[in-house]
Amino acid sequence: MQQVPAVQIDGITLSQSLSPMMLLSWLMPLCLSALEPIWKETAGKYCVGDEISMADICLIPQVYNAELDVDQFPTIKRLNQTLLKVDAFKESHPSCQLDTPAEICT
């Protein structure tokens, strides 16, 4: 059985549309709000101490795609800025992918 992304709200299923993505963009500030106090406690140089972890690998694309001002999340902002100085993160940044339109490449 093939499956497609879908969101069900009040008994209505929304699938194969932008609605699931719109819902995710609405949830992103909530997710970052939940992560901020956790990473405030666990962060060293990176999300969990001073070694790069899976949390760091996931952070960059999430902040990039959130399209919101991260100033309200000072720990996440600091972590993101720190990670963007690491060569591997610079090279794999979403704006550096081969299929990224030239007008948005950084």
PDB file of N, CA and C in Angstrom:
ATOM      1  N   MET A   1       0.837  -1.171   0.000  1.00  0.00           N
ATOM      2  CA  MET A   1       0.000   0.000   0.000  1.00  0.00           C
ATOM      3  C   MET A   1       0.885   1.239   0.000  1.00  0.00           C
ATOM      4  N   GLN A   2       0.626   2.167  -0.915  1.00  0.00           N
ATOM      5  CA  GLN A   2       1.366   3.413  -0.946  1.00  0.00           C
ATOM      6  C   GLN A   2       0.686   4.423  -0.030  1.00  0.00           C
ATOM      7  N   GLN A   3       1.501   5.261   0.595  1.00  0.00           N
ATOM      8  CA  GLN A   3       0.958   6.248   1.508  1.00  0.00           C
ATOM      9  C   GLN A   3       1.440   7.636   1.108  1.00  0.00           C
ATOM     10  N   VAL A   4       0.627   8.634   1.409  1.00  0.00           N
ATOM     11  CA  VAL A   4       1.002  10.016   1.159  1.00  0.00           C
ATOM     12  C   VAL A   4       0.888  10.785   2.465  1.00  0.00           C
ATOM     13  N   PRO A   5       1.658  11.864   2.613  1.00  0.00           N
ATOM     14  CA  PRO A   5       1.529  12.669   3.823  1.00  0.00           C
ATOM     15  C   PRO A   5       0.122  13.249   3.934  1.00  0.00           C
ATOM     16  N   ALA A   6      -0.437  13.205   5.101  1.00  0.00           N
ATOM     17  CA  ALA A   6      -1.777  13.736   5.314  1.00  0.00           C
ATOM     18  C   ALA A   6      -1.891  14.250   6.746  1.00  0.00           C
ATOM     19  N   VAL A   7      -2.801  15.190   6.904  1.00  0.00           N
ATOM     20  CA  VAL A   7      -3.115  15.730   8.215  1.00  0.00           C
ATOM     21  C   VAL A   7      -4.615  15.606   8.387  1.00  0.00           C
ATOM     22  N   GLN A   8      -5.028  15.143   9.561  1.00  0.00           N
ATOM     23  CA  GLN A   8      -6.457  15.036   9.832  1.00  0.00           C
ATOM     24  C   GLN A   8      -6.817  16.025  10.934  1.00  0.00           C
ATOM     25  N   ILE A   9      -7.769  16.921  10.610  1.00  0.00           N
ATOM     26  CA  ILE A   9      -8.217  17.932  11.553  1.00  0.00           C
ATOM     27  C   ILE A   9      -9.735  17.904  11.576  1.00  0.00           C
ATOM     28  N   ASP A  10     -10.307  17.701  12.748  1.00  0.00           N
ATOM     29  CA  ASP A  10     -11.765  17.667  12.913  1.00  0.00           C
ATOM     30  C   ASP A  10     -12.435  16.714  11.926  1.00  0.00           C
ATOM     31  N   GLY A  11     -11.816  15.567  11.721  1.00  0.00           N
ATOM     32  CA  GLY A  11     -12.404  14.563  10.856  1.00  0.00           C
ATOM     33  C   GLY A  11     -12.196  14.793   9.372  1.00  0.00           C
ATOM     34  N   ILE A  12     -11.539  15.868   8.997  1.00  0.00           N
ATOM     35  CA  ILE A  12     -11.265  16.165   7.587  1.00  0.00           C
ATOM     36  C   ILE A  12      -9.804  15.830   7.309  1.00  0.00           C
ATOM     37  N   THR A  13      -9.560  14.996   6.308  1.00  0.00           N
ATOM     38  CA  THR A  13      -8.203  14.613   5.945  1.00  0.00           C
ATOM     39  C   THR A  13      -7.721  15.491   4.808  1.00  0.00           C
ATOM     40  N   LEU A  14      -6.590  16.140   5.035  1.00  0.00           N
ATOM     41  CA  LEU A  14      -5.956  16.977   4.020  1.00  0.00           C
ATOM     42  C   LEU A  14      -4.713  16.245   3.541  1.00  0.00           C
ATOM     43  N   SER A  15      -4.672  15.924   2.264  1.00  0.00           N
ATOM     44  CA  SER A  15      -3.511  15.204   1.738  1.00  0.00           C
ATOM     45  C   SER A  15      -3.123  15.770   0.381  1.00  0.00           C
ATOM     46  N   GLN A  16      -1.900  15.489  -0.008  1.00  0.00           N
ATOM     47  CA  GLN A  16      -1.359  15.920  -1.287  1.00  0.00           C
ATOM     48  C   GLN A  16      -1.618  17.397  -1.544  1.00  0.00           C
ATOM     49  N   SER A  17      -1.392  18.193  -0.546  1.00  0.00           N
ATOM     50  CA  SER A  17      -1.590  19.624  -0.699  1.00  0.00           C
ATOM     51  C   SER A  17      -0.551  20.340   0.150  1.00  0.00           C
ATOM     52  N   LEU A  18      -0.580  21.637   0.115  1.00  0.00           N
ATOM     53  CA  LEU A  18       0.328  22.408   0.943  1.00  0.00           C
ATOM     54  C   LEU A  18      -0.122  22.447   2.397  1.00  0.00           C
ATOM     55  N   SER A  19      -1.339  22.021   2.666  1.00  0.00           N
ATOM     56  CA  SER A  19      -1.859  22.109   4.033  1.00  0.00           C
ATOM     57  C   SER A  19      -0.979  21.418   5.071  1.00  0.00           C
ATOM     58  N   PRO A  20      -0.492  20.188   4.822  1.00  0.00           N
ATOM     59  CA  PRO A  20       0.411  19.595   5.823  1.00  0.00           C
ATOM     60  C   PRO A  20       1.662  20.432   6.041  1.00  0.00           C
ATOM     61  N   MET A  21       2.215  21.008   4.971  1.00  0.00           N
ATOM     62  CA  MET A  21       3.405  21.838   5.114  1.00  0.00           C
ATOM     63  C   MET A  21       3.077  23.137   5.850  1.00  0.00           C
ATOM     64  N   MET A  22       1.904  23.694   5.585  1.00  0.00           N
ATOM     65  CA  MET A  22       1.495  24.904   6.289  1.00  0.00           C
ATOM     66  C   MET A  22       1.350  24.613   7.777  1.00  0.00           C
ATOM     67  N   LEU A  23       0.811  23.457   8.108  1.00  0.00           N
ATOM     68  CA  LEU A  23       0.661  23.082   9.511  1.00  0.00           C
ATOM     69  C   LEU A  23       2.030  22.935  10.165  1.00  0.00           C
ATOM     70  N   LEU A  24       2.960  22.315   9.462  1.00  0.00           N
ATOM     71  CA  LEU A  24       4.307  22.149  10.015  1.00  0.00           C
ATOM     72  C   LEU A  24       4.979  23.496  10.237  1.00  0.00           C
ATOM     73  N   SER A  25       4.776  24.447   9.320  1.00  0.00           N
ATOM     74  CA  SER A  25       5.393  25.765   9.506  1.00  0.00           C
ATOM     75  C   SER A  25       4.768  26.487  10.697  1.00  0.00           C
ATOM     76  N   TRP A  26       3.507  26.212  10.978  1.00  0.00           N
ATOM     77  CA  TRP A  26       2.854  26.790  12.147  1.00  0.00           C
ATOM     78  C   TRP A  26       3.394  26.159  13.431  1.00  0.00           C
ATOM     79  N   LEU A  27       3.733  24.883  13.358  1.00  0.00           N
ATOM     80  CA  LEU A  27       4.224  24.182  14.533  1.00  0.00           C
ATOM     81  C   LEU A  27       5.686  24.479  14.854  1.00  0.00           C
ATOM     82  N   MET A  28       6.455  24.928  13.864  1.00  0.00           N
ATOM     83  CA  MET A  28       7.892  25.128  14.073  1.00  0.00           C
ATOM     84  C   MET A  28       8.199  26.050  15.251  1.00  0.00           C
ATOM     85  N   PRO A  29       7.538  27.218  15.383  1.00  0.00           N
ATOM     86  CA  PRO A  29       7.838  28.042  16.568  1.00  0.00           C
ATOM     87  C   PRO A  29       7.555  27.316  17.881  1.00  0.00           C
ATOM     88  N   LEU A  30       6.529  26.473  17.887  1.00  0.00           N
ATOM     89  CA  LEU A  30       6.229  25.705  19.093  1.00  0.00           C
ATOM     90  C   LEU A  30       7.338  24.701  19.388  1.00  0.00           C
ATOM     91  N   CYS A  31       7.839  24.065  18.346  1.00  0.00           N
ATOM     92  CA  CYS A  31       8.929  23.095  18.528  1.00  0.00           C
ATOM     93  C   CYS A  31      10.191  23.786  19.032  1.00  0.00           C
ATOM     94  N   LEU A  32      10.521  24.917  18.428  1.00  0.00           N
ATOM     95  CA  LEU A  32      11.710  25.647  18.879  1.00  0.00           C
ATOM     96  C   LEU A  32      11.529  26.166  20.296  1.00  0.00           C
ATOM     97  N   SER A  33      10.307  26.567  20.633  1.00  0.00           N
ATOM     98  CA  SER A  33      10.023  27.010  22.006  1.00  0.00           C
ATOM     99  C   SER A  33      10.234  25.877  23.004  1.00  0.00           C
ATOM    100  N   ALA A  34       9.903  24.661  22.590  1.00  0.00           N
ATOM    101  CA  ALA A  34      10.097  23.503  23.470  1.00  0.00           C
ATOM    102  C   ALA A  34      11.577  23.141  23.585  1.00  0.00           C
ATOM    103  N   LEU A  35      12.330  23.295  22.496  1.00  0.00           N
ATOM    104  CA  LEU A  35      13.742  22.920  22.499  1.00  0.00           C
ATOM    105  C   LEU A  35      14.631  23.951  23.204  1.00  0.00           C
ATOM    106  N   GLU A  36      14.256  25.210  23.143  1.00  0.00           N
ATOM    107  CA  GLU A  36      15.095  26.276  23.722  1.00  0.00           C
ATOM    108  C   GLU A  36      15.467  26.011  25.188  1.00  0.00           C
ATOM    109  N   PRO A  37      14.509  25.743  26.086  1.00  0.00           N
ATOM    110  CA  PRO A  37      14.906  25.516  27.485  1.00  0.00           C
ATOM    111  C   PRO A  37      15.704  24.227  27.690  1.00  0.00           C
ATOM    112  N   ILE A  38      15.452  23.232  26.844  1.00  0.00           N
ATOM    113  CA  ILE A  38      16.205  21.976  26.950  1.00  0.00           C
ATOM    114  C   ILE A  38      17.658  22.225  26.569  1.00  0.00           C
ATOM    115  N   TRP A  39      17.859  22.875  25.428  1.00  0.00           N
ATOM    116  CA  TRP A  39      19.228  23.116  24.968  1.00  0.00           C
ATOM    117  C   TRP A  39      19.934  24.169  25.810  1.00  0.00           C
ATOM    118  N   LYS A  40      19.182  25.026  26.463  1.00  0.00           N
ATOM    119  CA  LYS A  40      19.806  25.972  27.388  1.00  0.00           C
ATOM    120  C   LYS A  40      20.514  25.208  28.505  1.00  0.00           C
ATOM    121  N   GLU A  41      19.943  24.066  28.896  1.00  0.00           N
ATOM    122  CA  GLU A  41      20.522  23.231  29.954  1.00  0.00           C
ATOM    123  C   GLU A  41      21.593  22.271  29.437  1.00  0.00           C
ATOM    124  N   THR A  42      21.424  21.730  28.225  1.00  0.00           N
ATOM    125  CA  THR A  42      22.320  20.673  27.748  1.00  0.00           C
ATOM    126  C   THR A  42      23.464  21.173  26.876  1.00  0.00           C
ATOM    127  N   ALA A  43      23.322  22.383  26.327  1.00  0.00           N
ATOM    128  CA  ALA A  43      24.294  22.850  25.344  1.00  0.00           C
ATOM    129  C   ALA A  43      25.632  23.185  25.977  1.00  0.00           C
ATOM    130  N   GLY A  44      26.649  22.835  25.215  1.00  0.00           N
ATOM    131  CA  GLY A  44      27.995  23.318  25.470  1.00  0.00           C
ATOM    132  C   GLY A  44      28.307  24.155  24.249  1.00  0.00           C
ATOM    133  N   LYS A  45      29.312  23.745  23.518  1.00  0.00           N
ATOM    134  CA  LYS A  45      29.583  24.393  22.243  1.00  0.00           C
ATOM    135  C   LYS A  45      28.479  24.040  21.246  1.00  0.00           C
ATOM    136  N   TYR A  46      27.957  22.815  21.362  1.00  0.00           N
ATOM    137  CA  TYR A  46      26.909  22.331  20.461  1.00  0.00           C
ATOM    138  C   TYR A  46      25.657  21.976  21.262  1.00  0.00           C
ATOM    139  N   CYS A  47      24.668  21.404  20.634  1.00  0.00           N
ATOM    140  CA  CYS A  47      23.366  21.160  21.274  1.00  0.00           C
ATOM    141  C   CYS A  47      23.462  20.332  22.557  1.00  0.00           C
ATOM    142  N   VAL A  48      24.291  19.306  22.521  1.00  0.00           N
ATOM    143  CA  VAL A  48      24.428  18.425  23.689  1.00  0.00           C
ATOM    144  C   VAL A  48      25.914  18.309  24.006  1.00  0.00           C
ATOM    145  N   GLY A  49      26.417  19.260  24.744  1.00  0.00           N
ATOM    146  CA  GLY A  49      27.827  19.233  25.108  1.00  0.00           C
ATOM    147  C   GLY A  49      28.724  19.847  24.049  1.00  0.00           C
ATOM    148  N   ASP A  50      29.931  19.318  23.966  1.00  0.00           N
ATOM    149  CA  ASP A  50      30.943  19.904  23.081  1.00  0.00           C
ATOM    150  C   ASP A  50      31.288  19.027  21.886  1.00  0.00           C
ATOM    151  N   GLU A  51      30.485  18.024  21.628  1.00  0.00           N
ATOM    152  CA  GLU A  51      30.664  17.162  20.461  1.00  0.00           C
ATOM    153  C   GLU A  51      29.432  17.279  19.580  1.00  0.00           C
ATOM    154  N   ILE A  52      29.618  17.285  18.287  1.00  0.00           N
ATOM    155  CA  ILE A  52      28.486  17.350  17.350  1.00  0.00           C
ATOM    156  C   ILE A  52      27.673  16.073  17.470  1.00  0.00           C
ATOM    157  N   SER A  53      26.357  16.242  17.537  1.00  0.00           N
ATOM    158  CA  SER A  53      25.445  15.107  17.676  1.00  0.00           C
ATOM    159  C   SER A  53      24.357  15.178  16.597  1.00  0.00           C
ATOM    160  N   MET A  54      23.484  14.197  16.608  1.00  0.00           N
ATOM    161  CA  MET A  54      22.371  14.180  15.667  1.00  0.00           C
ATOM    162  C   MET A  54      21.503  15.431  15.837  1.00  0.00           C
ATOM    163  N   ALA A  55      21.388  15.933  17.058  1.00  0.00           N
ATOM    164  CA  ALA A  55      20.602  17.150  17.294  1.00  0.00           C
ATOM    165  C   ALA A  55      21.170  18.322  16.489  1.00  0.00           C
ATOM    166  N   ASP A  56      22.479  18.421  16.425  1.00  0.00           N
ATOM    167  CA  ASP A  56      23.120  19.495  15.660  1.00  0.00           C
ATOM    168  C   ASP A  56      22.869  19.322  14.167  1.00  0.00           C
ATOM    169  N   ILE A  57      22.970  18.090  13.711  1.00  0.00           N
ATOM    170  CA  ILE A  57      22.756  17.800  12.291  1.00  0.00           C
ATOM    171  C   ILE A  57      21.340  18.188  11.868  1.00  0.00           C
ATOM    172  N   CYS A  58      20.385  17.987  12.748  1.00  0.00           N
ATOM    173  CA  CYS A  58      18.990  18.314  12.437  1.00  0.00           C
ATOM    174  C   CYS A  58      18.670  19.789  12.613  1.00  0.00           C
ATOM    175  N   LEU A  59      19.444  20.488  13.414  1.00  0.00           N
ATOM    176  CA  LEU A  59      19.120  21.880  13.737  1.00  0.00           C
ATOM    177  C   LEU A  59      19.203  22.804  12.526  1.00  0.00           C
ATOM    178  N   ILE A  60      20.277  22.740  11.767  1.00  0.00           N
ATOM    179  CA  ILE A  60      20.499  23.685  10.668  1.00  0.00           C
ATOM    180  C   ILE A  60      19.323  23.708   9.680  1.00  0.00           C
ATOM    181  N   PRO A  61      18.899  22.572   9.126  1.00  0.00           N
ATOM    182  CA  PRO A  61      17.769  22.647   8.178  1.00  0.00           C
ATOM    183  C   PRO A  61      16.463  23.089   8.830  1.00  0.00           C
ATOM    184  N   GLN A  62      16.273  22.773  10.099  1.00  0.00           N
ATOM    185  CA  GLN A  62      15.042  23.189  10.769  1.00  0.00           C
ATOM    186  C   GLN A  62      14.998  24.708  10.927  1.00  0.00           C
ATOM    187  N   VAL A  63      16.100  25.298  11.344  1.00  0.00           N
ATOM    188  CA  VAL A  63      16.149  26.754  11.490  1.00  0.00           C
ATOM    189  C   VAL A  63      16.022  27.412  10.114  1.00  0.00           C
ATOM    190  N   TYR A  64      16.698  26.853   9.133  1.00  0.00           N
ATOM    191  CA  TYR A  64      16.641  27.404   7.768  1.00  0.00           C
ATOM    192  C   TYR A  64      15.208  27.381   7.230  1.00  0.00           C
ATOM    193  N   ASN A  65      14.519  26.276   7.424  1.00  0.00           N
ATOM    194  CA  ASN A  65      13.161  26.136   6.896  1.00  0.00           C
ATOM    195  C   ASN A  65      12.101  26.803   7.759  1.00  0.00           C
ATOM    196  N   ALA A  66      12.432  27.143   8.981  1.00  0.00           N
ATOM    197  CA  ALA A  66      11.442  27.753   9.880  1.00  0.00           C
ATOM    198  C   ALA A  66      11.009  29.127   9.391  1.00  0.00           C
ATOM    199  N   GLU A  67      11.898  29.818   8.704  1.00  0.00           N
ATOM    200  CA  GLU A  67      11.598  31.140   8.178  1.00  0.00           C
ATOM    201  C   GLU A  67      11.005  32.054   9.250  1.00  0.00           C
ATOM    202  N   LEU A  68      11.653  32.087  10.411  1.00  0.00           N
ATOM    203  CA  LEU A  68      11.227  32.983  11.471  1.00  0.00           C
ATOM    204  C   LEU A  68      12.443  33.575  12.146  1.00  0.00           C
ATOM    205  N   ASP A  69      12.221  34.635  12.881  1.00  0.00           N
ATOM    206  CA  ASP A  69      13.295  35.327  13.572  1.00  0.00           C
ATOM    207  C   ASP A  69      13.712  34.499  14.792  1.00  0.00           C
ATOM    208  N   VAL A  70      14.928  33.988  14.782  1.00  0.00           N
ATOM    209  CA  VAL A  70      15.386  33.146  15.887  1.00  0.00           C
ATOM    210  C   VAL A  70      15.926  33.949  17.067  1.00  0.00           C
ATOM    211  N   ASP A  71      15.840  35.285  16.990  1.00  0.00           N
ATOM    212  CA  ASP A  71      16.289  36.108  18.114  1.00  0.00           C
ATOM    213  C   ASP A  71      15.532  35.774  19.397  1.00  0.00           C
ATOM    214  N   GLN A  72      14.297  35.291  19.252  1.00  0.00           N
ATOM    215  CA  GLN A  72      13.505  34.927  20.431  1.00  0.00           C
ATOM    216  C   GLN A  72      13.982  33.625  21.070  1.00  0.00           C
ATOM    217  N   PHE A  73      14.899  32.928  20.394  1.00  0.00           N
ATOM    218  CA  PHE A  73      15.464  31.676  20.898  1.00  0.00           C
ATOM    219  C   PHE A  73      16.983  31.832  20.967  1.00  0.00           C
ATOM    220  N   PRO A  74      17.498  32.517  21.991  1.00  0.00           N
ATOM    221  CA  PRO A  74      18.936  32.849  22.015  1.00  0.00           C
ATOM    222  C   PRO A  74      19.871  31.643  22.001  1.00  0.00           C
ATOM    223  N   THR A  75      19.499  30.567  22.654  1.00  0.00           N
ATOM    224  CA  THR A  75      20.367  29.379  22.649  1.00  0.00           C
ATOM    225  C   THR A  75      20.391  28.763  21.263  1.00  0.00           C
ATOM    226  N   ILE A  76      19.235  28.630  20.649  1.00  0.00           N
ATOM    227  CA  ILE A  76      19.153  28.062  19.296  1.00  0.00           C
ATOM    228  C   ILE A  76      19.891  28.960  18.312  1.00  0.00           C
ATOM    229  N   LYS A  77      19.751  30.262  18.459  1.00  0.00           N
ATOM    230  CA  LYS A  77      20.461  31.195  17.576  1.00  0.00           C
ATOM    231  C   LYS A  77      21.969  31.006  17.708  1.00  0.00           C
ATOM    232  N   ARG A  78      22.463  30.928  18.949  1.00  0.00           N
ATOM    233  CA  ARG A  78      23.904  30.746  19.174  1.00  0.00           C
ATOM    234  C   ARG A  78      24.395  29.428  18.588  1.00  0.00           C
ATOM    235  N   LEU A  79      23.636  28.355  18.832  1.00  0.00           N
ATOM    236  CA  LEU A  79      24.020  27.043  18.309  1.00  0.00           C
ATOM    237  C   LEU A  79      24.055  27.061  16.789  1.00  0.00           C
ATOM    238  N   ASN A  80      23.042  27.643  16.180  1.00  0.00           N
ATOM    239  CA  ASN A  80      22.965  27.716  14.721  1.00  0.00           C
ATOM    240  C   ASN A  80      24.165  28.483  14.165  1.00  0.00           C
ATOM    241  N   GLN A  81      24.480  29.623  14.761  1.00  0.00           N
ATOM    242  CA  GLN A  81      25.617  30.423  14.308  1.00  0.00           C
ATOM    243  C   GLN A  81      26.940  29.671  14.474  1.00  0.00           C
ATOM    244  N   THR A  82      27.074  28.953  15.579  1.00  0.00           N
ATOM    245  CA  THR A  82      28.289  28.165  15.820  1.00  0.00           C
ATOM    246  C   THR A  82      28.430  27.058  14.784  1.00  0.00           C
ATOM    247  N   LEU A  83      27.333  26.363  14.525  1.00  0.00           N
ATOM    248  CA  LEU A  83      27.372  25.257  13.560  1.00  0.00           C
ATOM    249  C   LEU A  83      27.659  25.745  12.150  1.00  0.00           C
ATOM    250  N   LEU A  84      27.169  26.925  11.803  1.00  0.00           N
ATOM    251  CA  LEU A  84      27.401  27.449  10.456  1.00  0.00           C
ATOM    252  C   LEU A  84      28.865  27.801  10.197  1.00  0.00           C
ATOM    253  N   LYS A  85      29.694  27.782  11.226  1.00  0.00           N
ATOM    254  CA  LYS A  85      31.133  28.014  11.064  1.00  0.00           C
ATOM    255  C   LYS A  85      31.896  26.718  10.796  1.00  0.00           C
ATOM    256  N   VAL A  86      31.239  25.585  10.989  1.00  0.00           N
ATOM    257  CA  VAL A  86      31.864  24.276  10.763  1.00  0.00           C
ATOM    258  C   VAL A  86      31.790  23.956   9.268  1.00  0.00           C
ATOM    259  N   ASP A  87      32.933  23.618   8.651  1.00  0.00           N
ATOM    260  CA  ASP A  87      32.985  23.389   7.210  1.00  0.00           C
ATOM    261  C   ASP A  87      31.926  22.406   6.714  1.00  0.00           C
ATOM    262  N   ALA A  88      31.748  21.307   7.411  1.00  0.00           N
ATOM    263  CA  ALA A  88      30.775  20.299   6.965  1.00  0.00           C
ATOM    264  C   ALA A  88      29.363  20.871   6.921  1.00  0.00           C
ATOM    265  N   PHE A  89      29.027  21.757   7.851  1.00  0.00           N
ATOM    266  CA  PHE A  89      27.704  22.367   7.858  1.00  0.00           C
ATOM    267  C   PHE A  89      27.584  23.436   6.781  1.00  0.00           C
ATOM    268  N   LYS A  90      28.660  24.170   6.535  1.00  0.00           N
ATOM    269  CA  LYS A  90      28.657  25.161   5.454  1.00  0.00           C
ATOM    270  C   LYS A  90      28.415  24.471   4.111  1.00  0.00           C
ATOM    271  N   GLU A  91      29.145  23.384   3.892  1.00  0.00           N
ATOM    272  CA  GLU A  91      29.073  22.685   2.612  1.00  0.00           C
ATOM    273  C   GLU A  91      27.751  21.975   2.389  1.00  0.00           C
ATOM    274  N   SER A  92      27.080  21.571   3.456  1.00  0.00           N
ATOM    275  CA  SER A  92      25.826  20.827   3.312  1.00  0.00           C
ATOM    276  C   SER A  92      24.592  21.682   3.596  1.00  0.00           C
ATOM    277  N   HIS A  93      24.792  22.973   3.770  1.00  0.00           N
ATOM    278  CA  HIS A  93      23.679  23.876   4.067  1.00  0.00           C
ATOM    279  C   HIS A  93      22.618  23.799   2.962  1.00  0.00           C
ATOM    280  N   PRO A  94      21.344  23.901   3.315  1.00  0.00           N
ATOM    281  CA  PRO A  94      20.280  23.824   2.301  1.00  0.00           C
ATOM    282  C   PRO A  94      20.451  24.815   1.151  1.00  0.00           C
ATOM    283  N   SER A  95      21.037  25.969   1.417  1.00  0.00           N
ATOM    284  CA  SER A  95      21.216  26.951   0.344  1.00  0.00           C
ATOM    285  C   SER A  95      22.401  26.624  -0.567  1.00  0.00           C
ATOM    286  N   CYS A  96      23.121  25.552  -0.280  1.00  0.00           N
ATOM    287  CA  CYS A  96      24.293  25.178  -1.082  1.00  0.00           C
ATOM    288  C   CYS A  96      24.081  23.905  -1.894  1.00  0.00           C
ATOM    289  N   GLN A  97      22.875  23.414  -1.959  1.00  0.00           N
ATOM    290  CA  GLN A  97      22.617  22.178  -2.689  1.00  0.00           C
ATOM    291  C   GLN A  97      22.629  22.429  -4.197  1.00  0.00           C
ATOM    292  N   LEU A  98      22.944  21.408  -4.972  1.00  0.00           N
ATOM    293  CA  LEU A  98      23.066  21.548  -6.421  1.00  0.00           C
ATOM    294  C   LEU A  98      21.801  22.069  -7.087  1.00  0.00           C
ATOM    295  N   ASP A  99      20.637  21.722  -6.532  1.00  0.00           N
ATOM    296  CA  ASP A  99      19.382  22.133  -7.163  1.00  0.00           C
ATOM    297  C   ASP A  99      18.806  23.432  -6.590  1.00  0.00           C
ATOM    298  N   THR A 100      19.602  24.140  -5.790  1.00  0.00           N
ATOM    299  CA  THR A 100      19.151  25.404  -5.226  1.00  0.00           C
ATOM    300  C   THR A 100      19.188  26.469  -6.304  1.00  0.00           C
ATOM    301  N   PRO A 101      18.095  27.199  -6.502  1.00  0.00           N
ATOM    302  CA  PRO A 101      18.100  28.279  -7.503  1.00  0.00           C
ATOM    303  C   PRO A 101      19.193  29.306  -7.184  1.00  0.00           C
ATOM    304  N   ALA A 102      19.870  29.782  -8.234  1.00  0.00           N
ATOM    305  CA  ALA A 102      21.000  30.688  -8.065  1.00  0.00           C
ATOM    306  C   ALA A 102      20.645  31.934  -7.261  1.00  0.00           C
ATOM    307  N   GLU A 103      19.419  32.434  -7.394  1.00  0.00           N
ATOM    308  CA  GLU A 103      19.053  33.676  -6.721  1.00  0.00           C
ATOM    309  C   GLU A 103      18.950  33.546  -5.201  1.00  0.00           C
ATOM    310  N   ILE A 104      18.897  32.309  -4.676  1.00  0.00           N
ATOM    311  CA  ILE A 104      18.845  32.168  -3.215  1.00  0.00           C
ATOM    312  C   ILE A 104      20.079  31.501  -2.629  1.00  0.00           C
ATOM    313  N   CYS A 105      21.054  31.178  -3.461  1.00  0.00           N
ATOM    314  CA  CYS A 105      22.290  30.578  -2.947  1.00  0.00           C
ATOM    315  C   CYS A 105      23.050  31.595  -2.121  1.00  0.00           C
ATOM    316  N   THR A 106      23.622  31.120  -1.032  1.00  0.00           N
ATOM    317  CA  THR A 106      24.424  32.026  -0.196  1.00  0.00           C
ATOM    318  C   THR A 106      25.875  31.600  -0.231  1.00  0.00           C
TER     319      THR A 106
END
